Amino acid sequence: MPQRSAGLLIYRRAAGVFEFLLVHPGGPFWARKDEGAWSIPKGLIGDKEDELQAACREAEEELGLAIDGDFQPVGSYKQPGGKIVIAWSVEMDIDVDAVRSNTFTMEWPPKSGTMKEFPEVDKAGWFSLPEAGLKILKGQRAILDDFLEQRGAD
């Protein structure tokens, strides 16, 4: 059975136009990647964990603040690596300068025996639809499309 992740497509309206909150993964692998590297806040669903609760937990871990609002299901998306991402949308305005991510530890540089700590998310940003379409991981682009289709592109 493929791994399953849950995440939130957080959006706001600026001058009547949708903007989307995306996060950039921390750590050395992603340090020099930008276009096609950003994601919705998301993470693995725990055993017997409610999918929406997992999405909210992961967003809180990656952003450093609790997300609350009217959560609407967007869909389920198979990623190129086989993982399934289940997404909900929620409208909320977040100060990206206040984002404080949890961290992870890995050996860096490889085979050095030295463990280093990195933020799971090293930055967050608000993007218009055209910008978000360029920044977001290829496997997550359909989340944006489906959200707009469900909203009737208001």
C-alpha atoms as a PDB file:
ATOM      1  CA  MET A   1       0.000   0.000   0.000  1.00  0.00           C
ATOM      2  CA  PRO A   2       1.438   3.417  -0.955  1.00  0.00           C
ATOM      3  CA  GLN A   3       2.365   5.947   1.713  1.00  0.00           C
ATOM      4  CA  ARG A   4      -0.327   8.534   2.379  1.00  0.00           C
ATOM      5  CA  SER A   5       0.179  12.177   3.260  1.00  0.00           C
ATOM      6  CA  ALA A   6      -2.347  14.836   4.192  1.00  0.00           C
ATOM      7  CA  GLY A   7      -1.987  18.554   3.609  1.00  0.00           C
ATOM      8  CA  LEU A   8      -3.645  21.933   3.506  1.00  0.00           C
ATOM      9  CA  LEU A   9      -3.960  24.303   0.575  1.00  0.00           C
ATOM     10  CA  ILE A  10      -4.071  27.553   2.533  1.00  0.00           C
ATOM     11  CA  TYR A  11      -5.339  30.499   0.549  1.00  0.00           C
ATOM     12  CA  ARG A  12      -6.293  34.150   0.898  1.00  0.00           C
ATOM     13  CA  ARG A  13      -7.781  36.760  -1.372  1.00  0.00           C
ATOM     14  CA  ALA A  14      -5.753  39.860  -2.154  1.00  0.00           C
ATOM     15  CA  ALA A  15      -7.615  42.489  -4.166  1.00  0.00           C
ATOM     16  CA  GLY A  16     -10.111  39.786  -5.191  1.00  0.00           C
ATOM     17  CA  VAL A  17      -7.395  37.422  -6.471  1.00  0.00           C
ATOM     18  CA  PHE A  18      -6.506  34.093  -4.869  1.00  0.00           C
ATOM     19  CA  GLU A  19      -3.047  33.713  -3.374  1.00  0.00           C
ATOM     20  CA  PHE A  20      -1.711  30.384  -2.112  1.00  0.00           C
ATOM     21  CA  LEU A  21       0.633  29.646   0.777  1.00  0.00           C
ATOM     22  CA  LEU A  22       3.435  27.294  -0.208  1.00  0.00           C
ATOM     23  CA  VAL A  23       6.397  26.078   1.816  1.00  0.00           C
ATOM     24  CA  HIS A  24       9.952  25.376   0.699  1.00  0.00           C
ATOM     25  CA  PRO A  25      11.566  22.247   2.169  1.00  0.00           C
ATOM     26  CA  GLY A  26      14.616  22.767   4.349  1.00  0.00           C
ATOM     27  CA  GLY A  27      17.838  20.831   4.266  1.00  0.00           C
ATOM     28  CA  PRO A  28      20.752  20.637   1.879  1.00  0.00           C
ATOM     29  CA  PHE A  29      19.002  18.672  -0.894  1.00  0.00           C
ATOM     30  CA  TRP A  30      16.513  21.508  -1.534  1.00  0.00           C
ATOM     31  CA  ALA A  31      18.805  24.474  -0.782  1.00  0.00           C
ATOM     32  CA  ARG A  32      19.411  25.447  -4.422  1.00  0.00           C
ATOM     33  CA  LYS A  33      16.058  24.360  -5.841  1.00  0.00           C
ATOM     34  CA  ASP A  34      13.181  26.789  -6.321  1.00  0.00           C
ATOM     35  CA  GLU A  35      10.834  26.267  -9.270  1.00  0.00           C
ATOM     36  CA  GLY A  36       9.022  22.965  -8.888  1.00  0.00           C
ATOM     37  CA  ALA A  37      10.305  22.507  -5.314  1.00  0.00           C
ATOM     38  CA  TRP A  38       7.613  24.148  -3.146  1.00  0.00           C
ATOM     39  CA  SER A  39       4.705  22.285  -1.558  1.00  0.00           C
ATOM     40  CA  ILE A  40       1.516  22.684   0.390  1.00  0.00           C
ATOM     41  CA  PRO A  41       2.168  22.057   4.110  1.00  0.00           C
ATOM     42  CA  LYS A  42       1.732  18.285   4.418  1.00  0.00           C
ATOM     43  CA  GLY A  43       3.081  15.101   5.902  1.00  0.00           C
ATOM     44  CA  LEU A  44       2.528  11.440   6.553  1.00  0.00           C
ATOM     45  CA  ILE A  45      -0.701  10.242   8.134  1.00  0.00           C
ATOM     46  CA  GLY A  46      -0.116   8.255  11.317  1.00  0.00           C
ATOM     47  CA  ASP A  47      -1.608   4.814  11.915  1.00  0.00           C
ATOM     48  CA  LYS A  48      -5.308   5.183  12.754  1.00  0.00           C
ATOM     49  CA  GLU A  49      -4.977   9.002  12.502  1.00  0.00           C
ATOM     50  CA  ASP A  50      -7.824  11.007  10.989  1.00  0.00           C
ATOM     51  CA  GLU A  51      -6.677  12.418   7.622  1.00  0.00           C
ATOM     52  CA  LEU A  52      -7.818  16.013   8.282  1.00  0.00           C
ATOM     53  CA  GLN A  53      -6.309  15.938  11.776  1.00  0.00           C
ATOM     54  CA  ALA A  54      -3.036  14.761  10.217  1.00  0.00           C
ATOM     55  CA  ALA A  55      -3.155  17.637   7.701  1.00  0.00           C
ATOM     56  CA  CYS A  56      -3.713  20.163  10.508  1.00  0.00           C
ATOM     57  CA  ARG A  57      -0.973  18.621  12.681  1.00  0.00           C
ATOM     58  CA  GLU A  58       1.532  18.660   9.836  1.00  0.00           C
ATOM     59  CA  ALA A  59       0.694  22.263   8.910  1.00  0.00           C
ATOM     60  CA  GLU A  60       1.156  23.294  12.546  1.00  0.00           C
ATOM     61  CA  GLU A  61       4.524  21.499  12.714  1.00  0.00           C
ATOM     62  CA  GLU A  62       5.741  23.100   9.488  1.00  0.00           C
ATOM     63  CA  LEU A  63       4.362  26.607  10.093  1.00  0.00           C
ATOM     64  CA  GLY A  64       4.583  26.865  13.865  1.00  0.00           C
ATOM     65  CA  LEU A  65       0.948  27.884  14.290  1.00  0.00           C
ATOM     66  CA  ALA A  66      -2.430  26.219  14.487  1.00  0.00           C
ATOM     67  CA  ILE A  67      -4.611  26.392  11.397  1.00  0.00           C
ATOM     68  CA  ASP A  68      -8.323  26.833  11.880  1.00  0.00           C
ATOM     69  CA  GLY A  69     -11.194  27.572   9.555  1.00  0.00           C
ATOM     70  CA  ASP A  70     -13.695  26.024   7.191  1.00  0.00           C
ATOM     71  CA  PHE A  71     -11.789  23.037   5.774  1.00  0.00           C
ATOM     72  CA  GLN A  72     -13.043  21.859   2.377  1.00  0.00           C
ATOM     73  CA  PRO A  73     -11.850  18.633   0.734  1.00  0.00           C
ATOM     74  CA  VAL A  74     -10.001  19.237  -2.534  1.00  0.00           C
ATOM     75  CA  GLY A  75      -8.995  15.718  -3.563  1.00  0.00           C
ATOM     76  CA  SER A  76      -6.523  12.869  -3.490  1.00  0.00           C
ATOM     77  CA  TYR A  77      -3.418  12.972  -5.703  1.00  0.00           C
ATOM     78  CA  LYS A  78      -0.970  10.245  -6.660  1.00  0.00           C
ATOM     79  CA  GLN A  79       2.561  11.641  -6.728  1.00  0.00           C
ATOM     80  CA  PRO A  80       5.234  10.595  -9.257  1.00  0.00           C
ATOM     81  CA  GLY A  81       6.921   8.488  -6.536  1.00  0.00           C
ATOM     82  CA  GLY A  82       3.657   6.683  -5.749  1.00  0.00           C
ATOM     83  CA  LYS A  83       2.734   8.483  -2.523  1.00  0.00           C
ATOM     84  CA  ILE A  84      -0.883   9.660  -2.206  1.00  0.00           C
ATOM     85  CA  VAL A  85      -1.490  13.254  -1.034  1.00  0.00           C
ATOM     86  CA  ILE A  86      -4.945  14.070   0.341  1.00  0.00           C
ATOM     87  CA  ALA A  87      -5.631  17.819   0.369  1.00  0.00           C
ATOM     88  CA  TRP A  88      -8.091  20.219   1.983  1.00  0.00           C
ATOM     89  CA  SER A  89      -8.396  23.940   1.398  1.00  0.00           C
ATOM     90  CA  VAL A  90      -8.826  26.571   4.088  1.00  0.00           C
ATOM     91  CA  GLU A  91      -8.902  30.356   3.902  1.00  0.00           C
ATOM     92  CA  MET A  92      -6.494  32.013   6.343  1.00  0.00           C
ATOM     93  CA  ASP A  93      -4.064  34.906   6.205  1.00  0.00           C
ATOM     94  CA  ILE A  94      -0.699  33.976   7.697  1.00  0.00           C
ATOM     95  CA  ASP A  95       2.330  36.197   8.254  1.00  0.00           C
ATOM     96  CA  VAL A  96       5.028  34.205   6.441  1.00  0.00           C
ATOM     97  CA  ASP A  97       7.731  36.050   8.386  1.00  0.00           C
ATOM     98  CA  ALA A  98       6.340  34.459  11.579  1.00  0.00           C
ATOM     99  CA  VAL A  99       6.626  30.877  10.266  1.00  0.00           C
ATOM    100  CA  ARG A 100       8.699  28.665  12.584  1.00  0.00           C
ATOM    101  CA  SER A 101       9.147  25.084  11.434  1.00  0.00           C
ATOM    102  CA  ASN A 102      10.048  21.988  13.377  1.00  0.00           C
ATOM    103  CA  THR A 103      13.437  20.452  12.566  1.00  0.00           C
ATOM    104  CA  PHE A 104      14.951  17.158  11.501  1.00  0.00           C
ATOM    105  CA  THR A 105      18.442  15.720  11.943  1.00  0.00           C
ATOM    106  CA  MET A 106      20.537  14.049   9.262  1.00  0.00           C
ATOM    107  CA  GLU A 107      24.150  13.178   8.599  1.00  0.00           C
ATOM    108  CA  TRP A 108      25.712  16.117   6.750  1.00  0.00           C
ATOM    109  CA  PRO A 109      27.910  16.113   4.800  1.00  0.00           C
ATOM    110  CA  PRO A 110      27.193  12.536   3.710  1.00  0.00           C
ATOM    111  CA  LYS A 111      29.453   9.878   5.236  1.00  0.00           C
ATOM    112  CA  SER A 112      31.014  12.496   7.556  1.00  0.00           C
ATOM    113  CA  GLY A 113      29.643  11.044  10.771  1.00  0.00           C
ATOM    114  CA  THR A 114      28.433  14.548  11.663  1.00  0.00           C
ATOM    115  CA  MET A 115      24.758  15.005  12.444  1.00  0.00           C
ATOM    116  CA  LYS A 116      23.220  18.394  11.652  1.00  0.00           C
ATOM    117  CA  GLU A 117      19.786  19.814  12.350  1.00  0.00           C
ATOM    118  CA  PHE A 118      17.742  21.508   9.603  1.00  0.00           C
ATOM    119  CA  PRO A 119      14.279  23.098   9.547  1.00  0.00           C
ATOM    120  CA  GLU A 120      11.661  20.934   7.838  1.00  0.00           C
ATOM    121  CA  VAL A 121      10.512  24.126   6.091  1.00  0.00           C
ATOM    122  CA  ASP A 122      13.057  26.894   5.515  1.00  0.00           C
ATOM    123  CA  LYS A 123      10.620  29.478   4.126  1.00  0.00           C
ATOM    124  CA  ALA A 124       7.000  30.073   3.249  1.00  0.00           C
ATOM    125  CA  GLY A 125       5.473  32.447   0.747  1.00  0.00           C
ATOM    126  CA  TRP A 126       2.243  33.689  -0.780  1.00  0.00           C
ATOM    127  CA  PHE A 127       1.951  33.179  -4.532  1.00  0.00           C
ATOM    128  CA  SER A 128      -0.555  34.137  -7.190  1.00  0.00           C
ATOM    129  CA  LEU A 129      -1.918  31.273  -9.288  1.00  0.00           C
ATOM    130  CA  PRO A 130       0.650  31.714 -12.108  1.00  0.00           C
ATOM    131  CA  GLU A 131       3.523  31.917  -9.591  1.00  0.00           C
ATOM    132  CA  ALA A 132       2.220  28.978  -7.545  1.00  0.00           C
ATOM    133  CA  GLY A 133       1.922  26.894 -10.708  1.00  0.00           C
ATOM    134  CA  LEU A 134       5.657  27.380 -11.316  1.00  0.00           C
ATOM    135  CA  LYS A 135       6.795  26.949  -7.702  1.00  0.00           C
ATOM    136  CA  ILE A 136       4.729  23.926  -6.629  1.00  0.00           C
ATOM    137  CA  LEU A 137       5.932  20.347  -7.065  1.00  0.00           C
ATOM    138  CA  LYS A 138       4.716  18.856 -10.344  1.00  0.00           C
ATOM    139  CA  GLY A 139       2.681  16.170  -8.559  1.00  0.00           C
ATOM    140  CA  GLN A 140       0.756  18.824  -6.592  1.00  0.00           C
ATOM    141  CA  ARG A 141      -0.193  21.185  -9.452  1.00  0.00           C
ATOM    142  CA  ALA A 142      -3.552  19.452  -9.870  1.00  0.00           C
ATOM    143  CA  ILE A 143      -4.466  20.543  -6.319  1.00  0.00           C
ATOM    144  CA  LEU A 144      -4.479  24.172  -7.510  1.00  0.00           C
ATOM    145  CA  ASP A 145      -6.509  23.301 -10.621  1.00  0.00           C
ATOM    146  CA  ASP A 146      -9.090  21.306  -8.684  1.00  0.00           C
ATOM    147  CA  PHE A 147      -9.428  24.009  -6.031  1.00  0.00           C
ATOM    148  CA  LEU A 148     -10.178  26.640  -8.684  1.00  0.00           C
ATOM    149  CA  GLU A 149     -12.593  24.335 -10.504  1.00  0.00           C
ATOM    150  CA  GLN A 150     -14.474  23.630  -7.250  1.00  0.00           C
ATOM    151  CA  ARG A 151     -14.598  27.341  -6.448  1.00  0.00           C
ATOM    152  CA  GLY A 152     -15.965  28.152  -9.910  1.00  0.00           C
ATOM    153  CA  ALA A 153     -12.812  30.319 -10.267  1.00  0.00           C
ATOM    154  CA  ASP A 154     -14.493  33.062  -8.248  1.00  0.00           C
END
